[in-house]
Amino acid sequence: MQSKPYKNNNRSAKSSPELALRERIEKRAHEIWLAAGCCHGDDVRHWLQAESEVLKGRGGRPEGEQRSAIAQEVQAIVAVRSSGR
């Protein structure tokens, strides 16, 4: 039996480089959150700061689809937060 690729929200499986990039951004966002005193409500700001730092460290922004996927996830977070959920 073959294992199925990881899927998230019914989208196709993420590539290893994209998944590794996301994990680095998540880790850095968590570090920023801890350094800020673990206060809730600034998750999007922490994510964007972490994304900027991680991408700057690798010499620029990811290309095309990879950048688009990250931007879509951030937009989804902002939409949920602004809807008051």
PDB file of N, CA and C in Angstrom:
ATOM      1  N   MET A   1       0.838  -1.179   0.000  1.00  0.00           N
ATOM      2  CA  MET A   1       0.000   0.000   0.000  1.00  0.00           C
ATOM      3  C   MET A   1       0.881   1.240   0.000  1.00  0.00           C
ATOM      4  N   GLN A   2       0.608   2.155  -0.892  1.00  0.00           N
ATOM      5  CA  GLN A   2       1.364   3.390  -0.956  1.00  0.00           C
ATOM      6  C   GLN A   2       0.752   4.419  -0.015  1.00  0.00           C
ATOM      7  N   SER A   3       1.627   5.208   0.604  1.00  0.00           N
ATOM      8  CA  SER A   3       1.110   6.260   1.469  1.00  0.00           C
ATOM      9  C   SER A   3       0.662   7.430   0.610  1.00  0.00           C
ATOM     10  N   LYS A   4      -0.360   8.107   1.082  1.00  0.00           N
ATOM     11  CA  LYS A   4      -0.884   9.261   0.361  1.00  0.00           C
ATOM     12  C   LYS A   4      -0.095  10.495   0.739  1.00  0.00           C
ATOM     13  N   PRO A   5       0.087  11.419  -0.197  1.00  0.00           N
ATOM     14  CA  PRO A   5       0.794  12.660   0.140  1.00  0.00           C
ATOM     15  C   PRO A   5      -0.010  13.501   1.114  1.00  0.00           C
ATOM     16  N   TYR A   6       0.686  14.294   1.897  1.00  0.00           N
ATOM     17  CA  TYR A   6       0.050  15.191   2.853  1.00  0.00           C
ATOM     18  C   TYR A   6      -0.816  16.186   2.095  1.00  0.00           C
ATOM     19  N   LYS A   7      -2.047  16.341   2.552  1.00  0.00           N
ATOM     20  CA  LYS A   7      -2.939  17.324   1.931  1.00  0.00           C
ATOM     21  C   LYS A   7      -3.493  18.223   3.008  1.00  0.00           C
ATOM     22  N   ASN A   8      -3.720  19.478   2.640  1.00  0.00           N
ATOM     23  CA  ASN A   8      -4.234  20.470   3.565  1.00  0.00           C
ATOM     24  C   ASN A   8      -5.376  21.208   2.882  1.00  0.00           C
ATOM     25  N   ASN A   9      -6.563  21.192   3.508  1.00  0.00           N
ATOM     26  CA  ASN A   9      -7.725  21.908   2.972  1.00  0.00           C
ATOM     27  C   ASN A   9      -8.067  21.507   1.541  1.00  0.00           C
ATOM     28  N   ASN A  10      -7.975  20.243   1.246  1.00  0.00           N
ATOM     29  CA  ASN A  10      -8.304  19.709  -0.073  1.00  0.00           C
ATOM     30  C   ASN A  10      -7.446  20.274  -1.199  1.00  0.00           C
ATOM     31  N   ARG A  11      -6.316  20.853  -0.859  1.00  0.00           N
ATOM     32  CA  ARG A  11      -5.379  21.311  -1.882  1.00  0.00           C
ATOM     33  C   ARG A  11      -4.365  20.202  -2.128  1.00  0.00           C
ATOM     34  N   SER A  12      -3.637  20.301  -3.221  1.00  0.00           N
ATOM     35  CA  SER A  12      -2.642  19.289  -3.523  1.00  0.00           C
ATOM     36  C   SER A  12      -1.518  19.328  -2.494  1.00  0.00           C
ATOM     37  N   ALA A  13      -0.788  18.234  -2.409  1.00  0.00           N
ATOM     38  CA  ALA A  13       0.300  18.136  -1.437  1.00  0.00           C
ATOM     39  C   ALA A  13       1.331  19.228  -1.670  1.00  0.00           C
ATOM     40  N   LYS A  14       1.860  19.752  -0.580  1.00  0.00           N
ATOM     41  CA  LYS A  14       2.864  20.804  -0.688  1.00  0.00           C
ATOM     42  C   LYS A  14       4.219  20.170  -0.992  1.00  0.00           C
ATOM     43  N   SER A  15       5.010  20.879  -1.769  1.00  0.00           N
ATOM     44  CA  SER A  15       6.344  20.390  -2.092  1.00  0.00           C
ATOM     45  C   SER A  15       7.237  20.520  -0.868  1.00  0.00           C
ATOM     46  N   SER A  16       8.288  19.755  -0.827  1.00  0.00           N
ATOM     47  CA  SER A  16       9.209  19.794   0.305  1.00  0.00           C
ATOM     48  C   SER A  16       9.815  21.172   0.524  1.00  0.00           C
ATOM     49  N   PRO A  17      10.288  21.871  -0.530  1.00  0.00           N
ATOM     50  CA  PRO A  17      10.832  23.209  -0.282  1.00  0.00           C
ATOM     51  C   PRO A  17       9.790  24.174   0.279  1.00  0.00           C
ATOM     52  N   GLU A  18       8.565  24.098  -0.222  1.00  0.00           N
ATOM     53  CA  GLU A  18       7.512  24.981   0.275  1.00  0.00           C
ATOM     54  C   GLU A  18       7.170  24.642   1.724  1.00  0.00           C
ATOM     55  N   LEU A  19       7.091  23.370   2.035  1.00  0.00           N
ATOM     56  CA  LEU A  19       6.788  22.948   3.396  1.00  0.00           C
ATOM     57  C   LEU A  19       7.908  23.364   4.345  1.00  0.00           C
ATOM     58  N   ALA A  20       9.150  23.217   3.920  1.00  0.00           N
ATOM     59  CA  ALA A  20      10.285  23.619   4.751  1.00  0.00           C
ATOM     60  C   ALA A  20      10.274  25.121   5.003  1.00  0.00           C
ATOM     61  N   LEU A  21       9.939  25.897   3.977  1.00  0.00           N
ATOM     62  CA  LEU A  21       9.861  27.346   4.128  1.00  0.00           C
ATOM     63  C   LEU A  21       8.769  27.719   5.116  1.00  0.00           C
ATOM     64  N   ARG A  22       7.602  27.102   4.977  1.00  0.00           N
ATOM     65  CA  ARG A  22       6.493  27.386   5.893  1.00  0.00           C
ATOM     66  C   ARG A  22       6.878  27.042   7.334  1.00  0.00           C
ATOM     67  N   GLU A  23       7.546  25.928   7.528  1.00  0.00           N
ATOM     68  CA  GLU A  23       7.945  25.532   8.876  1.00  0.00           C
ATOM     69  C   GLU A  23       8.940  26.525   9.472  1.00  0.00           C
ATOM     70  N   ARG A  24       9.859  27.037   8.656  1.00  0.00           N
ATOM     71  CA  ARG A  24      10.807  28.044   9.148  1.00  0.00           C
ATOM     72  C   ARG A  24      10.080  29.323   9.540  1.00  0.00           C
ATOM     73  N   ILE A  25       9.100  29.728   8.733  1.00  0.00           N
ATOM     74  CA  ILE A  25       8.337  30.935   9.048  1.00  0.00           C
ATOM     75  C   ILE A  25       7.524  30.717  10.317  1.00  0.00           C
ATOM     76  N   GLU A  26       6.884  29.560  10.450  1.00  0.00           N
ATOM     77  CA  GLU A  26       6.109  29.249  11.663  1.00  0.00           C
ATOM     78  C   GLU A  26       6.990  29.296  12.897  1.00  0.00           C
ATOM     79  N   LYS A  27       8.171  28.698  12.801  1.00  0.00           N
ATOM     80  CA  LYS A  27       9.081  28.678  13.943  1.00  0.00           C
ATOM     81  C   LYS A  27       9.485  30.100  14.329  1.00  0.00           C
ATOM     82  N   ARG A  28       9.826  30.922  13.330  1.00  0.00           N
ATOM     83  CA  ARG A  28      10.236  32.302  13.620  1.00  0.00           C
ATOM     84  C   ARG A  28       9.076  33.119  14.174  1.00  0.00           C
ATOM     85  N   ALA A  29       7.866  32.931  13.642  1.00  0.00           N
ATOM     86  CA  ALA A  29       6.691  33.639  14.157  1.00  0.00           C
ATOM     87  C   ALA A  29       6.454  33.268  15.624  1.00  0.00           C
ATOM     88  N   HIS A  30       6.661  32.008  15.962  1.00  0.00           N
ATOM     89  CA  HIS A  30       6.498  31.566  17.347  1.00  0.00           C
ATOM     90  C   HIS A  30       7.546  32.221  18.246  1.00  0.00           C
ATOM     91  N   GLU A  31       8.781  32.308  17.757  1.00  0.00           N
ATOM     92  CA  GLU A  31       9.835  32.979  18.522  1.00  0.00           C
ATOM     93  C   GLU A  31       9.488  34.445  18.765  1.00  0.00           C
ATOM     94  N   ILE A  32       8.955  35.108  17.742  1.00  0.00           N
ATOM     95  CA  ILE A  32       8.559  36.515  17.868  1.00  0.00           C
ATOM     96  C   ILE A  32       7.434  36.644  18.888  1.00  0.00           C
ATOM     97  N   TRP A  33       6.460  35.739  18.844  1.00  0.00           N
ATOM     98  CA  TRP A  33       5.346  35.739  19.785  1.00  0.00           C
ATOM     99  C   TRP A  33       5.848  35.570  21.219  1.00  0.00           C
ATOM    100  N   LEU A  34       6.776  34.629  21.421  1.00  0.00           N
ATOM    101  CA  LEU A  34       7.330  34.420  22.756  1.00  0.00           C
ATOM    102  C   LEU A  34       8.066  35.671  23.242  1.00  0.00           C
ATOM    103  N   ALA A  35       8.863  36.267  22.368  1.00  0.00           N
ATOM    104  CA  ALA A  35       9.627  37.458  22.738  1.00  0.00           C
ATOM    105  C   ALA A  35       8.716  38.646  23.062  1.00  0.00           C
ATOM    106  N   ALA A  36       7.516  38.653  22.457  1.00  0.00           N
ATOM    107  CA  ALA A  36       6.558  39.739  22.693  1.00  0.00           C
ATOM    108  C   ALA A  36       5.726  39.500  23.949  1.00  0.00           C
ATOM    109  N   GLY A  37       5.985  38.423  24.668  1.00  0.00           N
ATOM    110  CA  GLY A  37       5.274  38.155  25.916  1.00  0.00           C
ATOM    111  C   GLY A  37       4.062  37.262  25.770  1.00  0.00           C
ATOM    112  N   CYS A  38       3.949  36.553  24.667  1.00  0.00           N
ATOM    113  CA  CYS A  38       2.865  35.585  24.428  1.00  0.00           C
ATOM    114  C   CYS A  38       1.481  36.222  24.417  1.00  0.00           C
ATOM    115  N   CYS A  39       1.413  37.484  24.029  1.00  0.00           N
ATOM    116  CA  CYS A  39       0.124  38.165  23.951  1.00  0.00           C
ATOM    117  C   CYS A  39      -0.607  37.743  22.684  1.00  0.00           C
ATOM    118  N   HIS A  40      -1.892  37.539  22.805  1.00  0.00           N
ATOM    119  CA  HIS A  40      -2.698  37.140  21.655  1.00  0.00           C
ATOM    120  C   HIS A  40      -3.208  38.362  20.906  1.00  0.00           C
ATOM    121  N   GLY A  41      -3.469  38.179  19.622  1.00  0.00           N
ATOM    122  CA  GLY A  41      -4.042  39.239  18.817  1.00  0.00           C
ATOM    123  C   GLY A  41      -3.101  39.826  17.779  1.00  0.00           C
ATOM    124  N   ASP A  42      -1.824  39.479  17.845  1.00  0.00           N
ATOM    125  CA  ASP A  42      -0.856  40.011  16.890  1.00  0.00           C
ATOM    126  C   ASP A  42      -0.305  38.918  15.982  1.00  0.00           C
ATOM    127  N   ASP A  43      -1.045  37.840  15.813  1.00  0.00           N
ATOM    128  CA  ASP A  43      -0.551  36.696  15.064  1.00  0.00           C
ATOM    129  C   ASP A  43      -0.205  37.033  13.620  1.00  0.00           C
ATOM    130  N   VAL A  44      -1.027  37.827  12.968  1.00  0.00           N
ATOM    131  CA  VAL A  44      -0.753  38.171  11.570  1.00  0.00           C
ATOM    132  C   VAL A  44       0.498  39.035  11.486  1.00  0.00           C
ATOM    133  N   ARG A  45       0.626  39.994  12.388  1.00  0.00           N
ATOM    134  CA  ARG A  45       1.820  40.840  12.391  1.00  0.00           C
ATOM    135  C   ARG A  45       3.068  39.999  12.642  1.00  0.00           C
ATOM    136  N   HIS A  46       2.993  39.047  13.586  1.00  0.00           N
ATOM    137  CA  HIS A  46       4.130  38.171  13.864  1.00  0.00           C
ATOM    138  C   HIS A  46       4.462  37.320  12.638  1.00  0.00           C
ATOM    139  N   TRP A  47       3.424  36.784  11.971  1.00  0.00           N
ATOM    140  CA  TRP A  47       3.646  35.959  10.788  1.00  0.00           C
ATOM    141  C   TRP A  47       4.334  36.780   9.690  1.00  0.00           C
ATOM    142  N   LEU A  48       3.823  37.974   9.427  1.00  0.00           N
ATOM    143  CA  LEU A  48       4.390  38.797   8.366  1.00  0.00           C
ATOM    144  C   LEU A  48       5.826  39.210   8.682  1.00  0.00           C
ATOM    145  N   GLN A  49       6.103  39.513   9.941  1.00  0.00           N
ATOM    146  CA  GLN A  49       7.467  39.846  10.331  1.00  0.00           C
ATOM    147  C   GLN A  49       8.376  38.639  10.133  1.00  0.00           C
ATOM    148  N   ALA A  50       7.918  37.464  10.562  1.00  0.00           N
ATOM    149  CA  ALA A  50       8.707  36.244  10.413  1.00  0.00           C
ATOM    150  C   ALA A  50       8.937  35.925   8.940  1.00  0.00           C
ATOM    151  N   GLU A  51       7.883  36.068   8.138  1.00  0.00           N
ATOM    152  CA  GLU A  51       8.002  35.811   6.700  1.00  0.00           C
ATOM    153  C   GLU A  51       9.044  36.735   6.086  1.00  0.00           C
ATOM    154  N   SER A  52       8.991  38.000   6.440  1.00  0.00           N
ATOM    155  CA  SER A  52       9.936  38.974   5.910  1.00  0.00           C
ATOM    156  C   SER A  52      11.369  38.612   6.294  1.00  0.00           C
ATOM    157  N   GLU A  53      11.576  38.268   7.557  1.00  0.00           N
ATOM    158  CA  GLU A  53      12.914  37.921   8.038  1.00  0.00           C
ATOM    159  C   GLU A  53      13.442  36.662   7.368  1.00  0.00           C
ATOM    160  N   VAL A  54      12.609  35.637   7.293  1.00  0.00           N
ATOM    161  CA  VAL A  54      13.044  34.365   6.703  1.00  0.00           C
ATOM    162  C   VAL A  54      13.344  34.541   5.216  1.00  0.00           C
ATOM    163  N   LEU A  55      12.462  35.255   4.509  1.00  0.00           N
ATOM    164  CA  LEU A  55      12.669  35.431   3.078  1.00  0.00           C
ATOM    165  C   LEU A  55      13.869  36.330   2.791  1.00  0.00           C
ATOM    166  N   LYS A  56      14.087  37.325   3.642  1.00  0.00           N
ATOM    167  CA  LYS A  56      15.248  38.197   3.470  1.00  0.00           C
ATOM    168  C   LYS A  56      16.533  37.380   3.655  1.00  0.00           C
ATOM    169  N   GLY A  57      16.492  36.456   4.593  1.00  0.00           N
ATOM    170  CA  GLY A  57      17.645  35.602   4.865  1.00  0.00           C
ATOM    171  C   GLY A  57      17.976  34.653   3.728  1.00  0.00           C
ATOM    172  N   ARG A  58      17.011  34.395   2.854  1.00  0.00           N
ATOM    173  CA  ARG A  58      17.293  33.502   1.724  1.00  0.00           C
ATOM    174  C   ARG A  58      17.441  34.275   0.429  1.00  0.00           C
ATOM    175  N   GLY A  59      17.576  35.590   0.524  1.00  0.00           N
ATOM    176  CA  GLY A  59      17.901  36.382  -0.638  1.00  0.00           C
ATOM    177  C   GLY A  59      16.730  36.864  -1.457  1.00  0.00           C
ATOM    178  N   GLY A  60      15.561  36.987  -0.865  1.00  0.00           N
ATOM    179  CA  GLY A  60      14.423  37.530  -1.602  1.00  0.00           C
ATOM    180  C   GLY A  60      13.163  36.764  -1.359  1.00  0.00           C
ATOM    181  N   ARG A  61      12.159  37.113  -2.097  1.00  0.00           N
ATOM    182  CA  ARG A  61      10.857  36.480  -1.957  1.00  0.00           C
ATOM    183  C   ARG A  61      10.800  35.211  -2.797  1.00  0.00           C
ATOM    184  N   PRO A  62       9.996  34.240  -2.360  1.00  0.00           N
ATOM    185  CA  PRO A  62       9.830  33.043  -3.181  1.00  0.00           C
ATOM    186  C   PRO A  62       9.114  33.400  -4.470  1.00  0.00           C
ATOM    187  N   GLU A  63       9.314  32.601  -5.449  1.00  0.00           N
ATOM    188  CA  GLU A  63       8.750  32.882  -6.761  1.00  0.00           C
ATOM    189  C   GLU A  63       7.335  32.337  -6.887  1.00  0.00           C
ATOM    190  N   GLY A  64       6.572  32.992  -7.740  1.00  0.00           N
ATOM    191  CA  GLY A  64       5.283  32.538  -8.238  1.00  0.00           C
ATOM    192  C   GLY A  64       4.352  31.863  -7.268  1.00  0.00           C
ATOM    193  N   GLU A  65       4.107  30.614  -7.521  1.00  0.00           N
ATOM    194  CA  GLU A  65       3.094  29.848  -6.800  1.00  0.00           C
ATOM    195  C   GLU A  65       3.396  29.754  -5.315  1.00  0.00           C
ATOM    196  N   GLN A  66       4.666  29.596  -4.967  1.00  0.00           N
ATOM    197  CA  GLN A  66       5.033  29.471  -3.558  1.00  0.00           C
ATOM    198  C   GLN A  66       4.675  30.749  -2.801  1.00  0.00           C
ATOM    199  N   ARG A  67       5.006  31.897  -3.338  1.00  0.00           N
ATOM    200  CA  ARG A  67       4.671  33.171  -2.697  1.00  0.00           C
ATOM    201  C   ARG A  67       3.164  33.348  -2.634  1.00  0.00           C
ATOM    202  N   SER A  68       2.501  32.947  -3.707  1.00  0.00           N
ATOM    203  CA  SER A  68       1.055  33.068  -3.775  1.00  0.00           C
ATOM    204  C   SER A  68       0.385  32.246  -2.680  1.00  0.00           C
ATOM    205  N   ALA A  69       0.862  31.042  -2.438  1.00  0.00           N
ATOM    206  CA  ALA A  69       0.275  30.179  -1.407  1.00  0.00           C
ATOM    207  C   ALA A  69       0.424  30.810  -0.024  1.00  0.00           C
ATOM    208  N   ILE A  70       1.585  31.366   0.259  1.00  0.00           N
ATOM    209  CA  ILE A  70       1.816  32.008   1.552  1.00  0.00           C
ATOM    210  C   ILE A  70       0.910  33.230   1.696  1.00  0.00           C
ATOM    211  N   ALA A  71       0.822  34.032   0.647  1.00  0.00           N
ATOM    212  CA  ALA A  71      -0.024  35.226   0.678  1.00  0.00           C
ATOM    213  C   ALA A  71      -1.487  34.856   0.880  1.00  0.00           C
ATOM    214  N   GLN A  72      -1.948  33.787   0.241  1.00  0.00           N
ATOM    215  CA  GLN A  72      -3.337  33.356   0.401  1.00  0.00           C
ATOM    216  C   GLN A  72      -3.618  32.925   1.826  1.00  0.00           C
ATOM    217  N   GLU A  73      -2.682  32.231   2.454  1.00  0.00           N
ATOM    218  CA  GLU A  73      -2.884  31.802   3.841  1.00  0.00           C
ATOM    219  C   GLU A  73      -2.953  33.002   4.778  1.00  0.00           C
ATOM    220  N   VAL A  74      -2.098  33.983   4.562  1.00  0.00           N
ATOM    221  CA  VAL A  74      -2.130  35.193   5.394  1.00  0.00           C
ATOM    222  C   VAL A  74      -3.441  35.929   5.184  1.00  0.00           C
ATOM    223  N   GLN A  75      -3.896  36.037   3.944  1.00  0.00           N
ATOM    224  CA  GLN A  75      -5.167  36.703   3.659  1.00  0.00           C
ATOM    225  C   GLN A  75      -6.323  35.975   4.337  1.00  0.00           C
ATOM    226  N   ALA A  76      -6.278  34.656   4.373  1.00  0.00           N
ATOM    227  CA  ALA A  76      -7.336  33.885   5.038  1.00  0.00           C
ATOM    228  C   ALA A  76      -7.360  34.176   6.535  1.00  0.00           C
ATOM    229  N   ILE A  77      -6.184  34.286   7.140  1.00  0.00           N
ATOM    230  CA  ILE A  77      -6.096  34.613   8.572  1.00  0.00           C
ATOM    231  C   ILE A  77      -6.703  35.984   8.824  1.00  0.00           C
ATOM    232  N   VAL A  78      -6.336  36.952   7.995  1.00  0.00           N
ATOM    233  CA  VAL A  78      -6.863  38.314   8.161  1.00  0.00           C
ATOM    234  C   VAL A  78      -8.374  38.318   7.993  1.00  0.00           C
ATOM    235  N   ALA A  79      -8.904  37.583   7.024  1.00  0.00           N
ATOM    236  CA  ALA A  79     -10.351  37.546   6.787  1.00  0.00           C
ATOM    237  C   ALA A  79     -11.081  36.962   7.996  1.00  0.00           C
ATOM    238  N   VAL A  80     -10.554  35.892   8.575  1.00  0.00           N
ATOM    239  CA  VAL A  80     -11.187  35.265   9.735  1.00  0.00           C
ATOM    240  C   VAL A  80     -11.161  36.229  10.918  1.00  0.00           C
ATOM    241  N   ARG A  81     -10.035  36.876  11.129  1.00  0.00           N
ATOM    242  CA  ARG A  81      -9.924  37.818  12.246  1.00  0.00           C
ATOM    243  C   ARG A  81     -10.855  38.995  12.094  1.00  0.00           C
ATOM    244  N   SER A  82     -11.001  39.485  10.867  1.00  0.00           N
ATOM    245  CA  SER A  82     -11.851  40.664  10.661  1.00  0.00           C
ATOM    246  C   SER A  82     -13.332  40.314  10.715  1.00  0.00           C
ATOM    247  N   SER A  83     -13.669  39.034  10.554  1.00  0.00           N
ATOM    248  CA  SER A  83     -15.081  38.635  10.612  1.00  0.00           C
ATOM    249  C   SER A  83     -15.549  38.456  12.056  1.00  0.00           C
ATOM    250  N   GLY A  84     -14.605  38.517  13.002  1.00  0.00           N
ATOM    251  CA  GLY A  84     -14.953  38.440  14.423  1.00  0.00           C
ATOM    252  C   GLY A  84     -15.119  37.040  14.954  1.00  0.00           C
ATOM    253  N   ARG A  85     -14.611  36.040  14.263  1.00  0.00           N
ATOM    254  CA  ARG A  85     -14.706  34.652  14.744  1.00  0.00           C
ATOM    255  C   ARG A  85     -13.694  34.352  15.788  1.00  0.00           C
TER     256      ARG A  85
END
